[in-house]
């Protein structure tokens, strides 16, 4: 009886300790979210960060809209650190930048890498600043498929596909793609590639060395340093984020003191569930890069 009572007391103590730790984590998370980012009173330039693989446009567009509607912010810098990502979200961000730039000037700043879809987003801005050693360019589109039919044959596995539509299983790993199917995929790739090129040219027609012909030459998937990109007209100035901010501040003759305001999205009702959801999302962001080859159509380095 004494041993059972002791185990019961220990169990209650452990349960209380676990609940206390959860309460502390929840309290810290809630307070930090309610406080939000520190406000900079005199900041006249907002910074919207685009980090990592672009799989969704929602967060970036929300930040852009927040910067657009902030009356203190007179100009926006899109800070790009991305190797690219999915076509659709990248084009959505491009379109929103082009719209907002007519209301409030938007500039791009390339940090470590701004390749493929990352460059696509930067090209939407009226001017691009880049670190000299930033990896940029890689203007192209890629699709990856794998023919595992020989492995299936070796393993004595026979995949069965039931489909409605002649081309519904294009890219299936169970068989080799036909020439006709390769032609269909090539046609799509070429159209998306041309969209990429023309969207860049819309904004940078007078900046690209050798015009559209030159751009098509530079848009074959090559990767350039920031300095190499500037020589070809793909980048306007070699400058880091804060130097670019000062140059923009001077160019626009802004009256407020120079400072940068990093745009954050404040959550409406932080909860323990959201905290764990954010942790899960962080893990997913890390693993997205590993999954790239499993998703067919990408603007990606």
C-alpha atoms as a PDB file:
ATOM      1  CA  UNK A   1       0.000   0.000   0.000  1.00  0.00           C
ATOM      2  CA  UNK A   2       2.850   2.374   0.874  1.00  0.00           C
ATOM      3  CA  UNK A   3       4.590   1.698  -2.493  1.00  0.00           C
ATOM      4  CA  UNK A   4       1.371   2.341  -4.434  1.00  0.00           C
ATOM      5  CA  UNK A   5       0.898   5.654  -2.593  1.00  0.00           C
ATOM      6  CA  UNK A   6       4.488   6.666  -3.361  1.00  0.00           C
ATOM      7  CA  UNK A   7       4.098   5.832  -7.059  1.00  0.00           C
ATOM      8  CA  UNK A   8       0.838   7.798  -7.131  1.00  0.00           C
ATOM      9  CA  UNK A   9       2.501  10.860  -5.589  1.00  0.00           C
ATOM     10  CA  UNK A  10       5.416  10.640  -8.046  1.00  0.00           C
ATOM     11  CA  UNK A  11       2.965  10.304 -10.961  1.00  0.00           C
ATOM     12  CA  UNK A  12       1.005  13.374  -9.839  1.00  0.00           C
ATOM     13  CA  UNK A  13       4.249  15.340  -9.417  1.00  0.00           C
ATOM     14  CA  UNK A  14       5.404  14.422 -12.932  1.00  0.00           C
ATOM     15  CA  UNK A  15       2.002  15.368 -14.404  1.00  0.00           C
ATOM     16  CA  UNK A  16       2.035  18.740 -12.621  1.00  0.00           C
ATOM     17  CA  UNK A  17       5.615  19.375 -13.808  1.00  0.00           C
ATOM     18  CA  UNK A  18       4.723  18.604 -17.443  1.00  0.00           C
ATOM     19  CA  UNK A  19       1.626  20.831 -17.297  1.00  0.00           C
ATOM     20  CA  UNK A  20       3.715  23.613 -15.739  1.00  0.00           C
ATOM     21  CA  UNK A  21       6.300  23.430 -18.521  1.00  0.00           C
ATOM     22  CA  UNK A  22       3.548  23.496 -21.174  1.00  0.00           C
ATOM     23  CA  UNK A  23       1.993  26.510 -19.417  1.00  0.00           C
ATOM     24  CA  UNK A  24       5.334  28.376 -19.400  1.00  0.00           C
ATOM     25  CA  UNK A  25       5.905  27.664 -23.119  1.00  0.00           C
ATOM     26  CA  UNK A  26       2.359  28.742 -23.956  1.00  0.00           C
ATOM     27  CA  UNK A  27       2.649  31.928 -21.841  1.00  0.00           C
ATOM     28  CA  UNK A  28       5.970  32.885 -23.450  1.00  0.00           C
ATOM     29  CA  UNK A  29       4.634  32.225 -26.966  1.00  0.00           C
ATOM     30  CA  UNK A  30       1.430  34.172 -26.320  1.00  0.00           C
ATOM     31  CA  UNK A  31       3.190  37.206 -24.821  1.00  0.00           C
ATOM     32  CA  UNK A  32       5.773  37.337 -27.620  1.00  0.00           C
ATOM     33  CA  UNK A  33       3.012  37.256 -30.253  1.00  0.00           C
ATOM     34  CA  UNK A  34       0.881  39.858 -28.500  1.00  0.00           C
ATOM     35  CA  UNK A  35       3.848  42.198 -28.270  1.00  0.00           C
ATOM     36  CA  UNK A  36       4.574  41.722 -31.957  1.00  0.00           C
ATOM     37  CA  UNK A  37       7.632  43.208 -33.676  1.00  0.00           C
ATOM     38  CA  UNK A  38       9.208  46.339 -32.280  1.00  0.00           C
ATOM     39  CA  UNK A  39       7.816  49.400 -33.985  1.00  0.00           C
ATOM     40  CA  UNK A  40      10.202  51.835 -35.569  1.00  0.00           C
ATOM     41  CA  UNK A  41       8.606  55.255 -35.541  1.00  0.00           C
ATOM     42  CA  UNK A  42      10.717  56.878 -38.202  1.00  0.00           C
ATOM     43  CA  UNK A  43      11.082  53.928 -40.580  1.00  0.00           C
ATOM     44  CA  UNK A  44      10.055  55.013 -44.071  1.00  0.00           C
ATOM     45  CA  UNK A  45      11.160  51.843 -45.915  1.00  0.00           C
ATOM     46  CA  UNK A  46       9.513  48.472 -45.289  1.00  0.00           C
ATOM     47  CA  UNK A  47      11.304  45.168 -45.886  1.00  0.00           C
ATOM     48  CA  UNK A  48       9.392  42.095 -47.055  1.00  0.00           C
ATOM     49  CA  UNK A  49      11.527  38.976 -46.748  1.00  0.00           C
ATOM     50  CA  UNK A  50      11.214  36.054 -49.169  1.00  0.00           C
ATOM     51  CA  UNK A  51      13.112  33.145 -47.648  1.00  0.00           C
ATOM     52  CA  UNK A  52      13.683  29.591 -48.831  1.00  0.00           C
ATOM     53  CA  UNK A  53      11.850  27.509 -51.394  1.00  0.00           C
ATOM     54  CA  UNK A  54       8.726  29.242 -52.754  1.00  0.00           C
ATOM     55  CA  UNK A  55       5.865  26.796 -52.341  1.00  0.00           C
ATOM     56  CA  UNK A  56       3.101  29.220 -51.381  1.00  0.00           C
ATOM     57  CA  UNK A  57       2.411  32.903 -52.049  1.00  0.00           C
ATOM     58  CA  UNK A  58       0.080  33.665 -49.123  1.00  0.00           C
ATOM     59  CA  UNK A  59       2.575  34.842 -46.485  1.00  0.00           C
ATOM     60  CA  UNK A  60       4.593  36.965 -48.877  1.00  0.00           C
ATOM     61  CA  UNK A  61       1.514  38.622 -50.360  1.00  0.00           C
ATOM     62  CA  UNK A  62       0.114  39.306 -46.884  1.00  0.00           C
ATOM     63  CA  UNK A  63       3.360  41.069 -45.993  1.00  0.00           C
ATOM     64  CA  UNK A  64       3.249  43.061 -49.230  1.00  0.00           C
ATOM     65  CA  UNK A  65      -0.344  44.149 -48.513  1.00  0.00           C
ATOM     66  CA  UNK A  66       0.590  45.142 -44.963  1.00  0.00           C
ATOM     67  CA  UNK A  67       3.469  47.267 -46.263  1.00  0.00           C
ATOM     68  CA  UNK A  68       1.200  48.771 -48.929  1.00  0.00           C
ATOM     69  CA  UNK A  69      -1.381  49.828 -46.338  1.00  0.00           C
ATOM     70  CA  UNK A  70       1.107  51.114 -43.759  1.00  0.00           C
ATOM     71  CA  UNK A  71       1.000  54.907 -44.073  1.00  0.00           C
ATOM     72  CA  UNK A  72       4.416  55.287 -42.416  1.00  0.00           C
ATOM     73  CA  UNK A  73       6.072  53.225 -45.146  1.00  0.00           C
ATOM     74  CA  UNK A  74       6.878  55.176 -48.307  1.00  0.00           C
ATOM     75  CA  UNK A  75       8.846  52.481 -50.169  1.00  0.00           C
ATOM     76  CA  UNK A  76       9.253  48.717 -50.002  1.00  0.00           C
ATOM     77  CA  UNK A  77      12.281  46.457 -50.401  1.00  0.00           C
ATOM     78  CA  UNK A  78      11.675  42.800 -51.235  1.00  0.00           C
ATOM     79  CA  UNK A  79      14.614  40.971 -49.684  1.00  0.00           C
ATOM     80  CA  UNK A  80      15.143  37.726 -51.610  1.00  0.00           C
ATOM     81  CA  UNK A  81      17.014  34.717 -50.277  1.00  0.00           C
ATOM     82  CA  UNK A  82      15.502  31.939 -52.373  1.00  0.00           C
ATOM     83  CA  UNK A  83      16.632  29.334 -54.915  1.00  0.00           C
ATOM     84  CA  UNK A  84      13.165  29.439 -56.516  1.00  0.00           C
ATOM     85  CA  UNK A  85      10.160  27.180 -56.252  1.00  0.00           C
ATOM     86  CA  UNK A  86       6.788  26.382 -57.780  1.00  0.00           C
ATOM     87  CA  UNK A  87       5.622  28.350 -60.822  1.00  0.00           C
ATOM     88  CA  UNK A  88       2.122  29.403 -59.707  1.00  0.00           C
ATOM     89  CA  UNK A  89       3.006  31.034 -56.347  1.00  0.00           C
ATOM     90  CA  UNK A  90       6.007  32.793 -57.914  1.00  0.00           C
ATOM     91  CA  UNK A  91       3.850  34.327 -60.635  1.00  0.00           C
ATOM     92  CA  UNK A  92       1.234  35.417 -58.071  1.00  0.00           C
ATOM     93  CA  UNK A  93       3.879  37.274 -56.052  1.00  0.00           C
ATOM     94  CA  UNK A  94       5.254  38.826 -59.269  1.00  0.00           C
ATOM     95  CA  UNK A  95       1.791  40.131 -60.210  1.00  0.00           C
ATOM     96  CA  UNK A  96       1.165  41.607 -56.760  1.00  0.00           C
ATOM     97  CA  UNK A  97       4.516  43.401 -56.771  1.00  0.00           C
ATOM     98  CA  UNK A  98       3.760  44.898 -60.183  1.00  0.00           C
ATOM     99  CA  UNK A  99       0.375  46.140 -58.927  1.00  0.00           C
ATOM    100  CA  UNK A 100       1.673  47.664 -55.686  1.00  0.00           C
ATOM    101  CA  UNK A 101       4.671  49.286 -57.409  1.00  0.00           C
ATOM    102  CA  UNK A 102       2.247  51.593 -59.243  1.00  0.00           C
ATOM    103  CA  UNK A 103       1.065  52.852 -55.843  1.00  0.00           C
ATOM    104  CA  UNK A 104       4.199  52.573 -53.713  1.00  0.00           C
ATOM    105  CA  UNK A 105       7.725  52.009 -55.127  1.00  0.00           C
ATOM    106  CA  UNK A 106       9.111  48.488 -54.681  1.00  0.00           C
ATOM    107  CA  UNK A 107      12.783  47.557 -54.965  1.00  0.00           C
ATOM    108  CA  UNK A 108      14.569  44.193 -54.718  1.00  0.00           C
ATOM    109  CA  UNK A 109      17.582  43.247 -52.621  1.00  0.00           C
ATOM    110  CA  UNK A 110      19.367  39.942 -53.291  1.00  0.00           C
ATOM    111  CA  UNK A 111      21.072  38.401 -50.271  1.00  0.00           C
ATOM    112  CA  UNK A 112      22.744  34.995 -50.617  1.00  0.00           C
ATOM    113  CA  UNK A 113      20.799  33.504 -53.511  1.00  0.00           C
ATOM    114  CA  UNK A 114      18.083  34.803 -55.843  1.00  0.00           C
ATOM    115  CA  UNK A 115      17.889  32.135 -58.505  1.00  0.00           C
ATOM    116  CA  UNK A 116      15.110  31.109 -60.872  1.00  0.00           C
ATOM    117  CA  UNK A 117      11.809  31.888 -59.080  1.00  0.00           C
ATOM    118  CA  UNK A 118      13.766  34.066 -56.648  1.00  0.00           C
ATOM    119  CA  UNK A 119      15.042  36.123 -59.561  1.00  0.00           C
ATOM    120  CA  UNK A 120      11.536  36.125 -61.125  1.00  0.00           C
ATOM    121  CA  UNK A 121      10.216  37.926 -58.030  1.00  0.00           C
ATOM    122  CA  UNK A 122      13.117  40.392 -58.023  1.00  0.00           C
ATOM    123  CA  UNK A 123      12.556  41.175 -61.701  1.00  0.00           C
ATOM    124  CA  UNK A 124       9.075  42.484 -60.846  1.00  0.00           C
ATOM    125  CA  UNK A 125      10.636  45.358 -58.892  1.00  0.00           C
ATOM    126  CA  UNK A 126      11.615  48.689 -60.406  1.00  0.00           C
ATOM    127  CA  UNK A 127      15.276  48.273 -59.444  1.00  0.00           C
ATOM    128  CA  UNK A 128      17.409  45.337 -58.244  1.00  0.00           C
ATOM    129  CA  UNK A 129      20.241  45.667 -55.714  1.00  0.00           C
ATOM    130  CA  UNK A 130      22.456  42.627 -55.162  1.00  0.00           C
ATOM    131  CA  UNK A 131      25.418  41.582 -53.081  1.00  0.00           C
ATOM    132  CA  UNK A 132      28.447  41.117 -55.339  1.00  0.00           C
ATOM    133  CA  UNK A 133      28.673  37.412 -54.521  1.00  0.00           C
ATOM    134  CA  UNK A 134      24.959  36.606 -54.498  1.00  0.00           C
ATOM    135  CA  UNK A 135      24.023  33.654 -56.694  1.00  0.00           C
ATOM    136  CA  UNK A 136      21.450  34.846 -59.187  1.00  0.00           C
ATOM    137  CA  UNK A 137      19.984  34.069 -62.593  1.00  0.00           C
ATOM    138  CA  UNK A 138      19.190  30.412 -63.347  1.00  0.00           C
ATOM    139  CA  UNK A 139      16.364  31.641 -65.560  1.00  0.00           C
ATOM    140  CA  UNK A 140      14.722  28.432 -66.665  1.00  0.00           C
ATOM    141  CA  UNK A 141      12.085  25.810 -65.907  1.00  0.00           C
ATOM    142  CA  UNK A 142      12.642  22.195 -64.956  1.00  0.00           C
ATOM    143  CA  UNK A 143      10.610  18.995 -64.675  1.00  0.00           C
ATOM    144  CA  UNK A 144      11.996  15.777 -63.229  1.00  0.00           C
ATOM    145  CA  UNK A 145      10.641  12.308 -63.951  1.00  0.00           C
ATOM    146  CA  UNK A 146      12.024   8.877 -63.225  1.00  0.00           C
ATOM    147  CA  UNK A 147      11.622   5.686 -65.260  1.00  0.00           C
ATOM    148  CA  UNK A 148      11.798   2.821 -62.754  1.00  0.00           C
ATOM    149  CA  UNK A 149      10.390   0.179 -65.065  1.00  0.00           C
ATOM    150  CA  UNK A 150      13.666  -1.834 -65.142  1.00  0.00           C
ATOM    151  CA  UNK A 151      13.813  -1.842 -61.350  1.00  0.00           C
ATOM    152  CA  UNK A 152      10.196  -3.014 -61.181  1.00  0.00           C
ATOM    153  CA  UNK A 153      11.052  -5.730 -63.672  1.00  0.00           C
ATOM    154  CA  UNK A 154      14.075  -6.801 -61.642  1.00  0.00           C
ATOM    155  CA  UNK A 155      12.008  -6.843 -58.427  1.00  0.00           C
ATOM    156  CA  UNK A 156       9.242  -8.764 -60.230  1.00  0.00           C
ATOM    157  CA  UNK A 157       6.756  -6.006 -59.462  1.00  0.00           C
ATOM    158  CA  UNK A 158       4.082  -5.275 -62.057  1.00  0.00           C
ATOM    159  CA  UNK A 159       2.360  -1.880 -61.524  1.00  0.00           C
ATOM    160  CA  UNK A 160      -1.233  -1.641 -62.744  1.00  0.00           C
ATOM    161  CA  UNK A 161      -2.590   1.747 -63.892  1.00  0.00           C
ATOM    162  CA  UNK A 162      -6.287   2.423 -64.389  1.00  0.00           C
ATOM    163  CA  UNK A 163      -6.916   5.732 -66.134  1.00  0.00           C
ATOM    164  CA  UNK A 164      -9.459   7.757 -68.075  1.00  0.00           C
ATOM    165  CA  UNK A 165      -7.663   9.906 -70.614  1.00  0.00           C
ATOM    166  CA  UNK A 166      -4.877   8.891 -72.958  1.00  0.00           C
ATOM    167  CA  UNK A 167      -2.217  11.053 -71.314  1.00  0.00           C
ATOM    168  CA  UNK A 168      -3.389  10.862 -67.684  1.00  0.00           C
ATOM    169  CA  UNK A 169      -0.349   8.861 -66.549  1.00  0.00           C
ATOM    170  CA  UNK A 170       2.302  10.987 -68.259  1.00  0.00           C
ATOM    171  CA  UNK A 171       5.441  10.801 -66.160  1.00  0.00           C
ATOM    172  CA  UNK A 172       4.527   7.518 -64.497  1.00  0.00           C
ATOM    173  CA  UNK A 173       7.594   5.819 -63.028  1.00  0.00           C
ATOM    174  CA  UNK A 174       6.251   2.468 -64.196  1.00  0.00           C
ATOM    175  CA  UNK A 175       7.150   3.030 -67.842  1.00  0.00           C
ATOM    176  CA  UNK A 176       9.209   5.038 -70.294  1.00  0.00           C
ATOM    177  CA  UNK A 177       7.590   8.182 -71.665  1.00  0.00           C
ATOM    178  CA  UNK A 178       6.647   8.076 -75.350  1.00  0.00           C
ATOM    179  CA  UNK A 179       8.002  10.625 -77.843  1.00  0.00           C
ATOM    180  CA  UNK A 180       4.518  12.082 -78.170  1.00  0.00           C
ATOM    181  CA  UNK A 181       4.286  12.560 -74.403  1.00  0.00           C
ATOM    182  CA  UNK A 182       7.747  14.131 -74.291  1.00  0.00           C
ATOM    183  CA  UNK A 183       6.579  16.554 -76.964  1.00  0.00           C
ATOM    184  CA  UNK A 184       3.561  17.562 -74.855  1.00  0.00           C
ATOM    185  CA  UNK A 185       5.729  18.203 -71.801  1.00  0.00           C
ATOM    186  CA  UNK A 186       8.325  20.090 -73.828  1.00  0.00           C
ATOM    187  CA  UNK A 187       5.616  22.345 -75.254  1.00  0.00           C
ATOM    188  CA  UNK A 188       4.401  23.223 -71.771  1.00  0.00           C
ATOM    189  CA  UNK A 189       7.926  23.821 -70.458  1.00  0.00           C
ATOM    190  CA  UNK A 190       8.769  26.125 -73.370  1.00  0.00           C
ATOM    191  CA  UNK A 191       5.603  28.181 -72.815  1.00  0.00           C
ATOM    192  CA  UNK A 192       6.311  28.657 -69.107  1.00  0.00           C
ATOM    193  CA  UNK A 193       9.929  29.514 -69.918  1.00  0.00           C
ATOM    194  CA  UNK A 194       8.744  32.117 -72.404  1.00  0.00           C
ATOM    195  CA  UNK A 195       6.375  33.571 -69.775  1.00  0.00           C
ATOM    196  CA  UNK A 196       9.358  33.863 -67.425  1.00  0.00           C
ATOM    197  CA  UNK A 197      11.472  35.637 -70.053  1.00  0.00           C
ATOM    198  CA  UNK A 198       8.738  38.037 -71.150  1.00  0.00           C
ATOM    199  CA  UNK A 199       7.800  38.951 -67.567  1.00  0.00           C
ATOM    200  CA  UNK A 200      11.426  39.921 -66.961  1.00  0.00           C
ATOM    201  CA  UNK A 201      11.555  41.849 -70.231  1.00  0.00           C
ATOM    202  CA  UNK A 202       8.376  43.813 -69.419  1.00  0.00           C
ATOM    203  CA  UNK A 203      10.174  45.506 -66.550  1.00  0.00           C
ATOM    204  CA  UNK A 204      13.804  45.461 -67.677  1.00  0.00           C
ATOM    205  CA  UNK A 205      13.607  45.952 -71.452  1.00  0.00           C
ATOM    206  CA  UNK A 206      15.838  49.042 -71.383  1.00  0.00           C
ATOM    207  CA  UNK A 207      18.337  47.485 -68.961  1.00  0.00           C
ATOM    208  CA  UNK A 208      19.129  44.042 -70.387  1.00  0.00           C
ATOM    209  CA  UNK A 209      22.316  44.008 -72.410  1.00  0.00           C
ATOM    210  CA  UNK A 210      21.487  43.277 -76.091  1.00  0.00           C
ATOM    211  CA  UNK A 211      17.747  43.471 -75.424  1.00  0.00           C
ATOM    212  CA  UNK A 212      15.404  40.498 -75.801  1.00  0.00           C
ATOM    213  CA  UNK A 213      17.941  38.523 -77.820  1.00  0.00           C
ATOM    214  CA  UNK A 214      20.467  38.994 -75.030  1.00  0.00           C
ATOM    215  CA  UNK A 215      17.936  38.014 -72.381  1.00  0.00           C
ATOM    216  CA  UNK A 216      17.130  34.771 -74.203  1.00  0.00           C
ATOM    217  CA  UNK A 217      20.857  34.050 -74.267  1.00  0.00           C
ATOM    218  CA  UNK A 218      21.155  34.652 -70.493  1.00  0.00           C
ATOM    219  CA  UNK A 219      17.968  32.686 -69.764  1.00  0.00           C
ATOM    220  CA  UNK A 220      19.319  29.199 -70.396  1.00  0.00           C
ATOM    221  CA  UNK A 221      19.639  28.242 -66.742  1.00  0.00           C
ATOM    222  CA  UNK A 222      23.067  29.845 -66.202  1.00  0.00           C
ATOM    223  CA  UNK A 223      23.937  30.979 -62.688  1.00  0.00           C
ATOM    224  CA  UNK A 224      25.743  34.308 -62.223  1.00  0.00           C
ATOM    225  CA  UNK A 225      27.286  36.193 -59.339  1.00  0.00           C
ATOM    226  CA  UNK A 226      25.636  39.506 -58.492  1.00  0.00           C
ATOM    227  CA  UNK A 227      28.482  41.248 -60.291  1.00  0.00           C
ATOM    228  CA  UNK A 228      28.124  39.024 -63.374  1.00  0.00           C
ATOM    229  CA  UNK A 229      24.383  39.639 -63.407  1.00  0.00           C
ATOM    230  CA  UNK A 230      24.982  43.406 -63.292  1.00  0.00           C
ATOM    231  CA  UNK A 231      27.282  43.189 -66.330  1.00  0.00           C
ATOM    232  CA  UNK A 232      24.388  41.623 -68.262  1.00  0.00           C
ATOM    233  CA  UNK A 233      21.739  44.035 -67.041  1.00  0.00           C
ATOM    234  CA  UNK A 234      19.996  41.476 -64.828  1.00  0.00           C
ATOM    235  CA  UNK A 235      20.884  43.544 -61.734  1.00  0.00           C
ATOM    236  CA  UNK A 236      21.065  47.339 -61.373  1.00  0.00           C
ATOM    237  CA  UNK A 237      23.413  48.036 -58.461  1.00  0.00           C
ATOM    238  CA  UNK A 238      25.861  46.134 -56.268  1.00  0.00           C
ATOM    239  CA  UNK A 239      24.839  46.875 -52.693  1.00  0.00           C
ATOM    240  CA  UNK A 240      23.818  45.137 -49.492  1.00  0.00           C
ATOM    241  CA  UNK A 241      20.405  45.610 -47.902  1.00  0.00           C
ATOM    242  CA  UNK A 242      21.195  48.629 -45.722  1.00  0.00           C
ATOM    243  CA  UNK A 243      23.293  50.327 -48.386  1.00  0.00           C
ATOM    244  CA  UNK A 244      20.461  49.774 -50.864  1.00  0.00           C
ATOM    245  CA  UNK A 245      18.032  51.243 -48.332  1.00  0.00           C
ATOM    246  CA  UNK A 246      20.132  54.385 -47.971  1.00  0.00           C
ATOM    247  CA  UNK A 247      20.405  54.749 -51.745  1.00  0.00           C
ATOM    248  CA  UNK A 248      16.621  54.387 -52.105  1.00  0.00           C
ATOM    249  CA  UNK A 249      16.048  56.861 -49.264  1.00  0.00           C
ATOM    250  CA  UNK A 250      18.241  59.411 -51.080  1.00  0.00           C
ATOM    251  CA  UNK A 251      16.775  58.679 -54.530  1.00  0.00           C
ATOM    252  CA  UNK A 252      13.196  59.228 -53.327  1.00  0.00           C
ATOM    253  CA  UNK A 253      14.209  62.205 -51.157  1.00  0.00           C
ATOM    254  CA  UNK A 254      12.305  60.806 -48.188  1.00  0.00           C
ATOM    255  CA  UNK A 255      11.857  63.263 -45.322  1.00  0.00           C
ATOM    256  CA  UNK A 256      11.902  60.807 -42.401  1.00  0.00           C
ATOM    257  CA  UNK A 257      15.167  59.555 -40.940  1.00  0.00           C
ATOM    258  CA  UNK A 258      16.462  56.426 -42.644  1.00  0.00           C
ATOM    259  CA  UNK A 259      15.559  53.102 -41.076  1.00  0.00           C
ATOM    260  CA  UNK A 260      14.205  49.761 -42.196  1.00  0.00           C
ATOM    261  CA  UNK A 261      10.991  48.237 -40.879  1.00  0.00           C
ATOM    262  CA  UNK A 262      10.881  44.448 -41.298  1.00  0.00           C
ATOM    263  CA  UNK A 263       7.305  43.451 -42.039  1.00  0.00           C
ATOM    264  CA  UNK A 264       5.870  40.673 -39.878  1.00  0.00           C
ATOM    265  CA  UNK A 265       2.421  39.135 -39.900  1.00  0.00           C
ATOM    266  CA  UNK A 266       0.844  39.259 -36.445  1.00  0.00           C
ATOM    267  CA  UNK A 267      -1.328  36.305 -35.554  1.00  0.00           C
ATOM    268  CA  UNK A 268      -4.873  37.128 -34.448  1.00  0.00           C
ATOM    269  CA  UNK A 269      -5.285  34.553 -31.695  1.00  0.00           C
ATOM    270  CA  UNK A 270      -2.121  32.700 -30.691  1.00  0.00           C
ATOM    271  CA  UNK A 271      -2.766  29.333 -29.094  1.00  0.00           C
ATOM    272  CA  UNK A 272      -0.951  26.201 -28.046  1.00  0.00           C
ATOM    273  CA  UNK A 273      -2.293  24.480 -31.169  1.00  0.00           C
ATOM    274  CA  UNK A 274      -0.815  27.208 -33.393  1.00  0.00           C
ATOM    275  CA  UNK A 275       2.521  26.912 -31.609  1.00  0.00           C
ATOM    276  CA  UNK A 276       2.775  23.211 -32.445  1.00  0.00           C
ATOM    277  CA  UNK A 277       1.458  23.929 -35.946  1.00  0.00           C
ATOM    278  CA  UNK A 278       4.280  26.457 -36.465  1.00  0.00           C
ATOM    279  CA  UNK A 279       6.817  23.897 -35.285  1.00  0.00           C
ATOM    280  CA  UNK A 280       5.429  21.398 -37.801  1.00  0.00           C
ATOM    281  CA  UNK A 281       5.565  24.037 -40.554  1.00  0.00           C
ATOM    282  CA  UNK A 282       9.224  24.763 -39.745  1.00  0.00           C
ATOM    283  CA  UNK A 283      10.071  21.074 -40.127  1.00  0.00           C
ATOM    284  CA  UNK A 284       8.173  20.986 -43.422  1.00  0.00           C
ATOM    285  CA  UNK A 285      10.160  23.970 -44.725  1.00  0.00           C
ATOM    286  CA  UNK A 286      13.405  22.134 -43.992  1.00  0.00           C
ATOM    287  CA  UNK A 287      12.215  18.994 -45.805  1.00  0.00           C
ATOM    288  CA  UNK A 288      10.721  20.806 -48.828  1.00  0.00           C
ATOM    289  CA  UNK A 289      14.121  21.100 -50.463  1.00  0.00           C
ATOM    290  CA  UNK A 290      14.532  17.331 -50.192  1.00  0.00           C
ATOM    291  CA  UNK A 291      11.185  16.778 -51.921  1.00  0.00           C
ATOM    292  CA  UNK A 292      11.782  19.059 -54.901  1.00  0.00           C
ATOM    293  CA  UNK A 293      12.408  16.264 -57.395  1.00  0.00           C
ATOM    294  CA  UNK A 294       9.042  14.696 -56.580  1.00  0.00           C
ATOM    295  CA  UNK A 295       7.146  17.759 -57.818  1.00  0.00           C
ATOM    296  CA  UNK A 296       7.317  18.176 -61.596  1.00  0.00           C
ATOM    297  CA  UNK A 297       7.233  21.838 -62.620  1.00  0.00           C
ATOM    298  CA  UNK A 298       9.643  24.267 -60.965  1.00  0.00           C
ATOM    299  CA  UNK A 299      11.419  27.561 -61.352  1.00  0.00           C
ATOM    300  CA  UNK A 300      14.287  26.306 -59.278  1.00  0.00           C
ATOM    301  CA  UNK A 301      18.047  26.228 -59.190  1.00  0.00           C
END
